[in-house]
Amino acid sequence: MTDWQKVYSDRTEYRANIVVSVLEDKGIQPVLINKKDAAYQLGQFEVHVVADDVIRAIKIIKDDIKFE
């Protein structure tokens, strides 16, 4: 995954899946990576996109997704 960049991370899978869905709806192809340790439940879920889509993806996440 040399051309992929992390644009979002969270401890909860459902939030990461929401980000993935929104990015897909906007025409970006994200990848969800589970970096959580199965035994201890430590770690994060990360959303990665290709380098060309990083700025656009970050803007979409910042402007279109609210977790409150």
PDB file of N, CA and C in Angstrom:
ATOM      1  N   MET A   1       0.826  -1.195   0.000  1.00  0.00           N
ATOM      2  CA  MET A   1       0.000   0.000   0.000  1.00  0.00           C
ATOM      3  C   MET A   1       0.866   1.254   0.000  1.00  0.00           C
ATOM      4  N   THR A   2       1.792   1.322  -0.903  1.00  0.00           N
ATOM      5  CA  THR A   2       2.718   2.444  -0.915  1.00  0.00           C
ATOM      6  C   THR A   2       2.067   3.752  -1.342  1.00  0.00           C
ATOM      7  N   ASP A   3       1.042   3.697  -2.180  1.00  0.00           N
ATOM      8  CA  ASP A   3       0.405   4.922  -2.652  1.00  0.00           C
ATOM      9  C   ASP A   3      -0.841   5.287  -1.859  1.00  0.00           C
ATOM     10  N   TRP A   4      -1.065   4.642  -0.740  1.00  0.00           N
ATOM     11  CA  TRP A   4      -2.253   4.884   0.078  1.00  0.00           C
ATOM     12  C   TRP A   4      -1.878   5.715   1.295  1.00  0.00           C
ATOM     13  N   GLN A   5      -2.784   6.595   1.692  1.00  0.00           N
ATOM     14  CA  GLN A   5      -2.549   7.472   2.841  1.00  0.00           C
ATOM     15  C   GLN A   5      -3.728   7.366   3.806  1.00  0.00           C
ATOM     16  N   LYS A   6      -3.433   7.413   5.088  1.00  0.00           N
ATOM     17  CA  LYS A   6      -4.491   7.388   6.098  1.00  0.00           C
ATOM     18  C   LYS A   6      -5.149   8.761   6.158  1.00  0.00           C
ATOM     19  N   VAL A   7      -6.485   8.781   6.076  1.00  0.00           N
ATOM     20  CA  VAL A   7      -7.222  10.043   6.151  1.00  0.00           C
ATOM     21  C   VAL A   7      -8.134  10.099   7.373  1.00  0.00           C
ATOM     22  N   TYR A   8      -8.330   8.954   8.042  1.00  0.00           N
ATOM     23  CA  TYR A   8      -9.217   8.935   9.205  1.00  0.00           C
ATOM     24  C   TYR A   8      -8.894   7.709  10.045  1.00  0.00           C
ATOM     25  N   SER A   9      -9.016   7.851  11.359  1.00  0.00           N
ATOM     26  CA  SER A   9      -8.904   6.695  12.251  1.00  0.00           C
ATOM     27  C   SER A   9      -9.820   6.905  13.444  1.00  0.00           C
ATOM     28  N   ASP A  10     -10.329   5.800  13.966  1.00  0.00           N
ATOM     29  CA  ASP A  10     -11.231   5.854  15.114  1.00  0.00           C
ATOM     30  C   ASP A  10     -11.196   4.501  15.814  1.00  0.00           C
ATOM     31  N   ARG A  11     -11.538   4.506  17.092  1.00  0.00           N
ATOM     32  CA  ARG A  11     -11.577   3.252  17.840  1.00  0.00           C
ATOM     33  C   ARG A  11     -12.842   2.459  17.564  1.00  0.00           C
ATOM     34  N   THR A  12     -13.860   3.100  16.980  1.00  0.00           N
ATOM     35  CA  THR A  12     -15.124   2.413  16.730  1.00  0.00           C
ATOM     36  C   THR A  12     -15.272   2.072  15.248  1.00  0.00           C
ATOM     37  N   GLU A  13     -15.646   0.838  14.993  1.00  0.00           N
ATOM     38  CA  GLU A  13     -15.771   0.374  13.610  1.00  0.00           C
ATOM     39  C   GLU A  13     -16.914   1.067  12.879  1.00  0.00           C
ATOM     40  N   TYR A  14     -18.023   1.321  13.583  1.00  0.00           N
ATOM     41  CA  TYR A  14     -19.173   1.907  12.888  1.00  0.00           C
ATOM     42  C   TYR A  14     -18.868   3.307  12.357  1.00  0.00           C
ATOM     43  N   ARG A  15     -18.085   4.097  13.082  1.00  0.00           N
ATOM     44  CA  ARG A  15     -17.722   5.430  12.583  1.00  0.00           C
ATOM     45  C   ARG A  15     -16.821   5.326  11.353  1.00  0.00           C
ATOM     46  N   ALA A  16     -15.871   4.419  11.407  1.00  0.00           N
ATOM     47  CA  ALA A  16     -14.990   4.222  10.253  1.00  0.00           C
ATOM     48  C   ALA A  16     -15.795   3.758   9.039  1.00  0.00           C
ATOM     49  N   ASN A  17     -16.790   2.903   9.264  1.00  0.00           N
ATOM     50  CA  ASN A  17     -17.640   2.444   8.158  1.00  0.00           C
ATOM     51  C   ASN A  17     -18.484   3.574   7.586  1.00  0.00           C
ATOM     52  N   ILE A  18     -18.936   4.494   8.425  1.00  0.00           N
ATOM     53  CA  ILE A  18     -19.681   5.659   7.935  1.00  0.00           C
ATOM     54  C   ILE A  18     -18.785   6.497   7.030  1.00  0.00           C
ATOM     55  N   VAL A  19     -17.552   6.728   7.453  1.00  0.00           N
ATOM     56  CA  VAL A  19     -16.606   7.496   6.639  1.00  0.00           C
ATOM     57  C   VAL A  19     -16.383   6.797   5.299  1.00  0.00           C
ATOM     58  N   VAL A  20     -16.190   5.490   5.326  1.00  0.00           N
ATOM     59  CA  VAL A  20     -16.005   4.727   4.089  1.00  0.00           C
ATOM     60  C   VAL A  20     -17.209   4.907   3.171  1.00  0.00           C
ATOM     61  N   SER A  21     -18.416   4.791   3.716  1.00  0.00           N
ATOM     62  CA  SER A  21     -19.637   4.917   2.903  1.00  0.00           C
ATOM     63  C   SER A  21     -19.771   6.297   2.277  1.00  0.00           C
ATOM     64  N   VAL A  22     -19.500   7.337   3.066  1.00  0.00           N
ATOM     65  CA  VAL A  22     -19.608   8.702   2.540  1.00  0.00           C
ATOM     66  C   VAL A  22     -18.581   8.926   1.433  1.00  0.00           C
ATOM     67  N   LEU A  23     -17.357   8.483   1.645  1.00  0.00           N
ATOM     68  CA  LEU A  23     -16.329   8.648   0.615  1.00  0.00           C
ATOM     69  C   LEU A  23     -16.699   7.887  -0.657  1.00  0.00           C
ATOM     70  N   GLU A  24     -17.245   6.684  -0.511  1.00  0.00           N
ATOM     71  CA  GLU A  24     -17.671   5.924  -1.689  1.00  0.00           C
ATOM     72  C   GLU A  24     -18.781   6.654  -2.433  1.00  0.00           C
ATOM     73  N   ASP A  25     -19.723   7.240  -1.687  1.00  0.00           N
ATOM     74  CA  ASP A  25     -20.807   8.005  -2.317  1.00  0.00           C
ATOM     75  C   ASP A  25     -20.280   9.200  -3.106  1.00  0.00           C
ATOM     76  N   LYS A  26     -19.123   9.732  -2.692  1.00  0.00           N
ATOM     77  CA  LYS A  26     -18.519  10.888  -3.368  1.00  0.00           C
ATOM     78  C   LYS A  26     -17.547  10.474  -4.471  1.00  0.00           C
ATOM     79  N   GLY A  27     -17.462   9.175  -4.761  1.00  0.00           N
ATOM     80  CA  GLY A  27     -16.628   8.709  -5.863  1.00  0.00           C
ATOM     81  C   GLY A  27     -15.197   8.372  -5.501  1.00  0.00           C
ATOM     82  N   ILE A  28     -14.899   8.281  -4.224  1.00  0.00           N
ATOM     83  CA  ILE A  28     -13.556   7.909  -3.766  1.00  0.00           C
ATOM     84  C   ILE A  28     -13.597   6.447  -3.334  1.00  0.00           C
ATOM     85  N   GLN A  29     -12.530   5.707  -3.612  1.00  0.00           N
ATOM     86  CA  GLN A  29     -12.479   4.298  -3.233  1.00  0.00           C
ATOM     87  C   GLN A  29     -11.577   4.123  -2.010  1.00  0.00           C
ATOM     88  N   PRO A  30     -12.170   4.139  -0.809  1.00  0.00           N
ATOM     89  CA  PRO A  30     -11.380   3.981   0.407  1.00  0.00           C
ATOM     90  C   PRO A  30     -11.160   2.511   0.766  1.00  0.00           C
ATOM     91  N   VAL A  31     -10.197   2.284   1.635  1.00  0.00           N
ATOM     92  CA  VAL A  31      -9.925   0.958   2.178  1.00  0.00           C
ATOM     93  C   VAL A  31      -9.987   1.075   3.693  1.00  0.00           C
ATOM     94  N   LEU A  32     -10.728   0.172   4.331  1.00  0.00           N
ATOM     95  CA  LEU A  32     -10.822   0.140   5.788  1.00  0.00           C
ATOM     96  C   LEU A  32      -9.841  -0.900   6.309  1.00  0.00           C
ATOM     97  N   ILE A  33      -8.969  -0.474   7.211  1.00  0.00           N
ATOM     98  CA  ILE A  33      -7.964  -1.366   7.781  1.00  0.00           C
ATOM     99  C   ILE A  33      -8.226  -1.501   9.274  1.00  0.00           C
ATOM    100  N   ASN A  34      -8.362  -2.742   9.728  1.00  0.00           N
ATOM    101  CA  ASN A  34      -8.598  -3.025  11.138  1.00  0.00           C
ATOM    102  C   ASN A  34      -7.250  -3.239  11.821  1.00  0.00           C
ATOM    103  N   LYS A  35      -6.861  -2.291  12.653  1.00  0.00           N
ATOM    104  CA  LYS A  35      -5.600  -2.406  13.386  1.00  0.00           C
ATOM    105  C   LYS A  35      -5.861  -2.675  14.866  1.00  0.00           C
ATOM    106  N   LYS A  36      -7.032  -3.223  15.153  1.00  0.00           N
ATOM    107  CA  LYS A  36      -7.401  -3.536  16.527  1.00  0.00           C
ATOM    108  C   LYS A  36      -6.870  -4.910  16.892  1.00  0.00           C
ATOM    109  N   ASP A  37      -6.286  -5.029  18.064  1.00  0.00           N
ATOM    110  CA  ASP A  37      -5.821  -6.305  18.574  1.00  0.00           C
ATOM    111  C   ASP A  37      -7.035  -7.103  19.043  1.00  0.00           C
ATOM    112  N   ALA A  38      -7.226  -8.290  18.509  1.00  0.00           N
ATOM    113  CA  ALA A  38      -8.415  -9.088  18.817  1.00  0.00           C
ATOM    114  C   ALA A  38      -8.469  -9.506  20.286  1.00  0.00           C
ATOM    115  N   ALA A  39      -7.353  -9.771  20.890  1.00  0.00           N
ATOM    116  CA  ALA A  39      -7.346 -10.252  22.270  1.00  0.00           C
ATOM    117  C   ALA A  39      -7.625  -9.142  23.276  1.00  0.00           C
ATOM    118  N   TYR A  40      -7.093  -7.965  23.056  1.00  0.00           N
ATOM    119  CA  TYR A  40      -7.200  -6.893  24.046  1.00  0.00           C
ATOM    120  C   TYR A  40      -8.086  -5.732  23.618  1.00  0.00           C
ATOM    121  N   GLN A  41      -8.579  -5.756  22.383  1.00  0.00           N
ATOM    122  CA  GLN A  41      -9.435  -4.692  21.849  1.00  0.00           C
ATOM    123  C   GLN A  41      -8.769  -3.315  21.910  1.00  0.00           C
ATOM    124  N   LEU A  42      -7.476  -3.286  21.694  1.00  0.00           N
ATOM    125  CA  LEU A  42      -6.734  -2.032  21.615  1.00  0.00           C
ATOM    126  C   LEU A  42      -6.438  -1.742  20.155  1.00  0.00           C
ATOM    127  N   GLY A  43      -6.387  -0.485  19.812  1.00  0.00           N
ATOM    128  CA  GLY A  43      -6.040  -0.120  18.449  1.00  0.00           C
ATOM    129  C   GLY A  43      -7.136   0.672  17.775  1.00  0.00           C
ATOM    130  N   GLN A  44      -7.010   0.823  16.469  1.00  0.00           N
ATOM    131  CA  GLN A  44      -7.881   1.706  15.701  1.00  0.00           C
ATOM    132  C   GLN A  44      -8.336   1.034  14.412  1.00  0.00           C
ATOM    133  N   PHE A  45      -9.391   1.589  13.857  1.00  0.00           N
ATOM    134  CA  PHE A  45      -9.799   1.299  12.492  1.00  0.00           C
ATOM    135  C   PHE A  45      -9.330   2.490  11.662  1.00  0.00           C
ATOM    136  N   GLU A  46      -8.651   2.228  10.565  1.00  0.00           N
ATOM    137  CA  GLU A  46      -8.114   3.302   9.735  1.00  0.00           C
ATOM    138  C   GLU A  46      -8.746   3.274   8.351  1.00  0.00           C
ATOM    139  N   VAL A  47      -9.005   4.463   7.820  1.00  0.00           N
ATOM    140  CA  VAL A  47      -9.500   4.605   6.454  1.00  0.00           C
ATOM    141  C   VAL A  47      -8.367   5.195   5.622  1.00  0.00           C
ATOM    142  N   HIS A  48      -8.026   4.504   4.545  1.00  0.00           N
ATOM    143  CA  HIS A  48      -6.958   4.939   3.650  1.00  0.00           C
ATOM    144  C   HIS A  48      -7.530   5.196   2.263  1.00  0.00           C
ATOM    145  N   VAL A  49      -6.942   6.159   1.569  1.00  0.00           N
ATOM    146  CA  VAL A  49      -7.296   6.436   0.172  1.00  0.00           C
ATOM    147  C   VAL A  49      -6.002   6.592  -0.624  1.00  0.00           C
ATOM    148  N   VAL A  50      -6.122   6.506  -1.949  1.00  0.00           N
ATOM    149  CA  VAL A  50      -4.933   6.702  -2.786  1.00  0.00           C
ATOM    150  C   VAL A  50      -4.450   8.145  -2.632  1.00  0.00           C
ATOM    151  N   ALA A  51      -3.174   8.342  -2.837  1.00  0.00           N
ATOM    152  CA  ALA A  51      -2.551   9.650  -2.601  1.00  0.00           C
ATOM    153  C   ALA A  51      -3.231  10.781  -3.366  1.00  0.00           C
ATOM    154  N   ASP A  52      -3.713  10.507  -4.562  1.00  0.00           N
ATOM    155  CA  ASP A  52      -4.354  11.554  -5.373  1.00  0.00           C
ATOM    156  C   ASP A  52      -5.663  12.059  -4.772  1.00  0.00           C
ATOM    157  N   ASP A  53      -6.296  11.257  -3.906  1.00  0.00           N
ATOM    158  CA  ASP A  53      -7.593  11.620  -3.327  1.00  0.00           C
ATOM    159  C   ASP A  53      -7.510  12.139  -1.893  1.00  0.00           C
ATOM    160  N   VAL A  54      -6.312  12.253  -1.339  1.00  0.00           N
ATOM    161  CA  VAL A  54      -6.167  12.600   0.078  1.00  0.00           C
ATOM    162  C   VAL A  54      -6.805  13.940   0.419  1.00  0.00           C
ATOM    163  N   ILE A  55      -6.474  14.986  -0.293  1.00  0.00           N
ATOM    164  CA  ILE A  55      -6.988  16.327   0.040  1.00  0.00           C
ATOM    165  C   ILE A  55      -8.502  16.361  -0.085  1.00  0.00           C
ATOM    166  N   ARG A  56      -9.014  15.788  -1.157  1.00  0.00           N
ATOM    167  CA  ARG A  56     -10.468  15.755  -1.357  1.00  0.00           C
ATOM    168  C   ARG A  56     -11.159  14.948  -0.253  1.00  0.00           C
ATOM    169  N   ALA A  57     -10.589  13.806   0.121  1.00  0.00           N
ATOM    170  CA  ALA A  57     -11.178  12.964   1.165  1.00  0.00           C
ATOM    171  C   ALA A  57     -11.185  13.672   2.513  1.00  0.00           C
ATOM    172  N   ILE A  58     -10.095  14.327   2.865  1.00  0.00           N
ATOM    173  CA  ILE A  58     -10.031  15.048   4.139  1.00  0.00           C
ATOM    174  C   ILE A  58     -11.059  16.167   4.169  1.00  0.00           C
ATOM    175  N   LYS A  59     -11.224  16.866   3.065  1.00  0.00           N
ATOM    176  CA  LYS A  59     -12.224  17.934   2.993  1.00  0.00           C
ATOM    177  C   LYS A  59     -13.633  17.372   3.166  1.00  0.00           C
ATOM    178  N   ILE A  60     -13.929  16.261   2.526  1.00  0.00           N
ATOM    179  CA  ILE A  60     -15.247  15.629   2.665  1.00  0.00           C
ATOM    180  C   ILE A  60     -15.480  15.205   4.107  1.00  0.00           C
ATOM    181  N   ILE A  61     -14.487  14.582   4.720  1.00  0.00           N
ATOM    182  CA  ILE A  61     -14.626  14.132   6.108  1.00  0.00           C
ATOM    183  C   ILE A  61     -14.861  15.327   7.025  1.00  0.00           C
ATOM    184  N   LYS A  62     -14.110  16.391   6.816  1.00  0.00           N
ATOM    185  CA  LYS A  62     -14.226  17.583   7.667  1.00  0.00           C
ATOM    186  C   LYS A  62     -15.568  18.291   7.479  1.00  0.00           C
ATOM    187  N   ASP A  63     -16.018  18.419   6.227  1.00  0.00           N
ATOM    188  CA  ASP A  63     -17.204  19.225   5.928  1.00  0.00           C
ATOM    189  C   ASP A  63     -18.520  18.452   5.982  1.00  0.00           C
ATOM    190  N   ASP A  64     -18.503  17.172   5.645  1.00  0.00           N
ATOM    191  CA  ASP A  64     -19.751  16.432   5.458  1.00  0.00           C
ATOM    192  C   ASP A  64     -20.094  15.435   6.561  1.00  0.00           C
ATOM    193  N   ILE A  65     -19.156  15.117   7.437  1.00  0.00           N
ATOM    194  CA  ILE A  65     -19.411  14.083   8.446  1.00  0.00           C
ATOM    195  C   ILE A  65     -19.294  14.696   9.836  1.00  0.00           C
ATOM    196  N   LYS A  66     -20.356  14.538  10.607  1.00  0.00           N
ATOM    197  CA  LYS A  66     -20.379  15.053  11.985  1.00  0.00           C
ATOM    198  C   LYS A  66     -20.763  13.919  12.927  1.00  0.00           C
ATOM    199  N   PHE A  67     -19.940  13.652  13.918  1.00  0.00           N
ATOM    200  CA  PHE A  67     -20.242  12.661  14.950  1.00  0.00           C
ATOM    201  C   PHE A  67     -20.477  13.400  16.259  1.00  0.00           C
ATOM    202  N   GLU A  68     -21.733  13.612  16.586  1.00  0.00           N
ATOM    203  CA  GLU A  68     -22.053  14.325  17.832  1.00  0.00           C
ATOM    204  C   GLU A  68     -23.197  13.675  18.543  1.00  0.00           C
TER     205      GLU A  68
END
